C-alpha atoms as a PDB file:
ATOM      1  CA  MET A   1       0.000   0.000   0.000  1.00  0.00           C
ATOM      2  CA  SER A   2       1.501   3.324  -0.992  1.00  0.00           C
ATOM      3  CA  ASP A   3      -1.064   5.665   0.610  1.00  0.00           C
ATOM      4  CA  HIS A   4      -0.440   6.918   4.127  1.00  0.00           C
ATOM      5  CA  ILE A   5      -2.197   9.131   6.637  1.00  0.00           C
ATOM      6  CA  ARG A   6       0.358  10.440   9.102  1.00  0.00           C
ATOM      7  CA  VAL A   7      -0.073  12.264  12.383  1.00  0.00           C
ATOM      8  CA  HIS A   8       3.222  13.559  13.753  1.00  0.00           C
ATOM      9  CA  ARG A   9       4.190  14.102  17.389  1.00  0.00           C
ATOM     10  CA  ILE A  10       0.935  14.228  19.317  1.00  0.00           C
ATOM     11  CA  ALA A  11       2.074  15.648  22.663  1.00  0.00           C
ATOM     12  CA  VAL A  12       0.693  14.086  25.836  1.00  0.00           C
ATOM     13  CA  PHE A  13       1.552  14.364  29.497  1.00  0.00           C
ATOM     14  CA  ALA A  14       1.396  10.908  31.051  1.00  0.00           C
ATOM     15  CA  ARG A  15       2.861   8.660  33.753  1.00  0.00           C
ATOM     16  CA  HIS A  16       4.426   5.747  31.880  1.00  0.00           C
ATOM     17  CA  GLY A  17       7.664   4.074  32.911  1.00  0.00           C
ATOM     18  CA  LEU A  18       9.222   1.473  35.171  1.00  0.00           C
ATOM     19  CA  LEU A  19      10.416   3.792  37.906  1.00  0.00           C
ATOM     20  CA  PRO A  20       8.035   4.673  40.760  1.00  0.00           C
ATOM     21  CA  GLU A  21       8.781   8.388  40.413  1.00  0.00           C
ATOM     22  CA  GLU A  22       7.643   8.279  36.773  1.00  0.00           C
ATOM     23  CA  ALA A  23       4.205   7.241  37.989  1.00  0.00           C
ATOM     24  CA  VAL A  24       4.136  10.166  40.421  1.00  0.00           C
ATOM     25  CA  ILE A  25       5.792  12.987  38.498  1.00  0.00           C
ATOM     26  CA  GLY A  26       4.821  12.111  34.937  1.00  0.00           C
ATOM     27  CA  GLN A  27       6.406  13.502  31.807  1.00  0.00           C
ATOM     28  CA  ARG A  28       5.830  14.495  28.209  1.00  0.00           C
ATOM     29  CA  PHE A  29       5.598  11.940  25.407  1.00  0.00           C
ATOM     30  CA  PHE A  30       5.279  12.435  21.656  1.00  0.00           C
ATOM     31  CA  ILE A  31       3.320   9.867  19.689  1.00  0.00           C
ATOM     32  CA  SER A  32       3.263   9.625  15.903  1.00  0.00           C
ATOM     33  CA  LEU A  33       1.113   7.481  13.644  1.00  0.00           C
ATOM     34  CA  ASP A  34       1.607   6.268  10.086  1.00  0.00           C
ATOM     35  CA  ALA A  35      -1.536   4.532   8.829  1.00  0.00           C
ATOM     36  CA  SER A  36      -1.578   2.620   5.555  1.00  0.00           C
ATOM     37  CA  VAL A  37      -4.941   3.408   3.994  1.00  0.00           C
ATOM     38  CA  ASP A  38      -6.138   3.133   0.407  1.00  0.00           C
ATOM     39  CA  THR A  39      -7.196   6.749  -0.148  1.00  0.00           C
ATOM     40  CA  ARG A  40      -8.243   6.472  -3.803  1.00  0.00           C
ATOM     41  CA  ALA A  41     -11.994   6.452  -3.110  1.00  0.00           C
ATOM     42  CA  ALA A  42     -11.719   9.417  -0.746  1.00  0.00           C
ATOM     43  CA  GLY A  43      -9.540  11.323  -3.192  1.00  0.00           C
ATOM     44  CA  ALA A  44     -11.935  10.721  -6.073  1.00  0.00           C
ATOM     45  CA  SER A  45     -15.072  11.595  -4.102  1.00  0.00           C
ATOM     46  CA  ASP A  46     -13.762  14.209  -1.633  1.00  0.00           C
ATOM     47  CA  ASP A  47     -15.697  12.251   1.021  1.00  0.00           C
ATOM     48  CA  LEU A  48     -14.193  11.664   4.476  1.00  0.00           C
ATOM     49  CA  THR A  49     -16.393   8.604   5.049  1.00  0.00           C
ATOM     50  CA  LYS A  50     -14.238   6.849   2.446  1.00  0.00           C
ATOM     51  CA  SER A  51     -11.068   7.566   4.426  1.00  0.00           C
ATOM     52  CA  VAL A  52      -9.833   7.737   8.018  1.00  0.00           C
ATOM     53  CA  SER A  53     -10.051  10.838  10.192  1.00  0.00           C
ATOM     54  CA  TYR A  54      -6.639  11.808  11.530  1.00  0.00           C
ATOM     55  CA  ALA A  55      -8.421  13.750  14.287  1.00  0.00           C
ATOM     56  CA  GLU A  56     -10.233  10.605  15.430  1.00  0.00           C
ATOM     57  CA  MET A  57      -7.010   8.589  15.363  1.00  0.00           C
ATOM     58  CA  ALA A  58      -5.369  11.296  17.499  1.00  0.00           C
ATOM     59  CA  ASP A  59      -8.293  11.056  19.936  1.00  0.00           C
ATOM     60  CA  VAL A  60      -7.622   7.321  20.353  1.00  0.00           C
ATOM     61  CA  VAL A  61      -3.935   8.015  21.064  1.00  0.00           C
ATOM     62  CA  VAL A  62      -4.631  10.710  23.656  1.00  0.00           C
ATOM     63  CA  ASP A  63      -7.284   8.618  25.386  1.00  0.00           C
ATOM     64  CA  ILE A  64      -5.059   5.551  25.745  1.00  0.00           C
ATOM     65  CA  ALA A  65      -1.926   7.498  26.677  1.00  0.00           C
ATOM     66  CA  THR A  66      -3.624   9.624  29.337  1.00  0.00           C
ATOM     67  CA  THR A  67      -6.102   7.218  30.931  1.00  0.00           C
ATOM     68  CA  ARG A  68      -4.013   4.059  31.158  1.00  0.00           C
ATOM     69  CA  ARG A  69      -0.555   3.445  32.621  1.00  0.00           C
ATOM     70  CA  PHE A  70       2.169   1.292  31.091  1.00  0.00           C
ATOM     71  CA  ASN A  71       5.608   0.324  32.364  1.00  0.00           C
ATOM     72  CA  LEU A  72       6.948  -0.103  28.841  1.00  0.00           C
ATOM     73  CA  LEU A  73       6.677   2.081  25.757  1.00  0.00           C
ATOM     74  CA  GLU A  74       6.290  -1.169  23.821  1.00  0.00           C
ATOM     75  CA  ALA A  75       3.064  -1.933  25.705  1.00  0.00           C
ATOM     76  CA  LEU A  76       1.692   1.574  25.113  1.00  0.00           C
ATOM     77  CA  ALA A  77       2.495   1.293  21.400  1.00  0.00           C
ATOM     78  CA  GLU A  78       0.850  -2.140  21.222  1.00  0.00           C
ATOM     79  CA  ALA A  79      -2.339  -0.856  22.868  1.00  0.00           C
ATOM     80  CA  ILE A  80      -2.521   2.074  20.445  1.00  0.00           C
ATOM     81  CA  ALA A  81      -1.922  -0.123  17.384  1.00  0.00           C
ATOM     82  CA  THR A  82      -4.519  -2.654  18.526  1.00  0.00           C
ATOM     83  CA  ASP A  83      -7.174   0.001  19.137  1.00  0.00           C
ATOM     84  CA  ILE A  84      -6.482   1.844  15.857  1.00  0.00           C
ATOM     85  CA  LEU A  85      -6.864  -1.374  13.860  1.00  0.00           C
ATOM     86  CA  ALA A  86     -10.058  -2.230  15.756  1.00  0.00           C
ATOM     87  CA  ALA A  87     -11.622   1.228  15.404  1.00  0.00           C
ATOM     88  CA  PHE A  88     -10.737   1.994  11.776  1.00  0.00           C
ATOM     89  CA  PRO A  89     -11.477  -0.844   9.326  1.00  0.00           C
ATOM     90  CA  LEU A  90      -9.875   1.018   6.415  1.00  0.00           C
ATOM     91  CA  VAL A  91      -6.468   1.037   8.134  1.00  0.00           C
ATOM     92  CA  GLU A  92      -4.529  -1.900   6.688  1.00  0.00           C
ATOM     93  CA  ALA A  93      -1.399  -1.309   8.784  1.00  0.00           C
ATOM     94  CA  ILE A  94      -0.341   1.131  11.475  1.00  0.00           C
ATOM     95  CA  SER A  95       3.079   2.235  12.656  1.00  0.00           C
ATOM     96  CA  VAL A  96       3.230   3.808  16.096  1.00  0.00           C
ATOM     97  CA  LEU A  97       6.285   5.796  17.180  1.00  0.00           C
ATOM     98  CA  ILE A  98       6.535   6.836  20.823  1.00  0.00           C
ATOM     99  CA  GLU A  99       9.202   9.310  21.904  1.00  0.00           C
ATOM    100  CA  LYS A 100      10.178   9.853  25.523  1.00  0.00           C
ATOM    101  CA  PRO A 101      12.415  12.938  25.583  1.00  0.00           C
ATOM    102  CA  SER A 102      12.905  13.000  29.360  1.00  0.00           C
ATOM    103  CA  ALA A 103      13.783   9.352  29.824  1.00  0.00           C
ATOM    104  CA  PRO A 104      15.580   8.836  33.139  1.00  0.00           C
ATOM    105  CA  VAL A 105      18.934   7.707  31.769  1.00  0.00           C
ATOM    106  CA  PRO A 106      22.285   9.121  32.892  1.00  0.00           C
ATOM    107  CA  HIS A 107      23.334  10.335  29.431  1.00  0.00           C
ATOM    108  CA  VAL A 108      22.821  13.417  27.318  1.00  0.00           C
ATOM    109  CA  LEU A 109      20.349  12.459  24.631  1.00  0.00           C
ATOM    110  CA  ASP A 110      17.589  14.030  22.623  1.00  0.00           C
ATOM    111  CA  THR A 111      14.979  11.309  23.068  1.00  0.00           C
ATOM    112  CA  VAL A 112      14.450   7.581  23.330  1.00  0.00           C
ATOM    113  CA  SER A 113      11.785   5.947  21.231  1.00  0.00           C
ATOM    114  CA  VAL A 114      10.000   2.749  20.332  1.00  0.00           C
ATOM    115  CA  GLU A 115       8.376   2.127  16.971  1.00  0.00           C
ATOM    116  CA  ILE A 116       6.156  -0.793  16.048  1.00  0.00           C
ATOM    117  CA  THR A 117       4.185  -1.715  12.946  1.00  0.00           C
ATOM    118  CA  ARG A 118       1.118  -3.934  13.029  1.00  0.00           C
ATOM    119  CA  SER A 119      -1.157  -4.942  10.177  1.00  0.00           C
ATOM    120  CA  ARG A 120      -4.352  -6.822   9.570  1.00  0.00           C
ATOM    121  CA  ALA A 121      -2.260  -9.464   7.819  1.00  0.00           C
ATOM    122  CA  ASP A 122      -0.510 -10.171  11.147  1.00  0.00           C
ATOM    123  CA  GLY A 123      -3.638 -11.895  12.345  1.00  0.00           C
END
């Protein structure tokens, strides 16, 4: 599939992480989506019902990231991918990138991140 709907760097404040202080203090995360969607019908008709709303996908991300708590970024990414595939039948595959710029590691770094890709073909 060569068509993509991308949502870059949705900012959320959440309490994910292994350390107890991460659950208390919280921190900022950036979450990006890359959805593989056949957009030909939407492009030909100019009709959103033949595509996927990036605003609604962002709503799913914010809801999961701010109402649930995960120790691992991998688990947060998995929950987002699972819910996007369940909620949007036109999405054939979804890549979820989660950035954690304030990760508690003793090194100077810009961000740490996890990226996963899941598809309907995966089962």
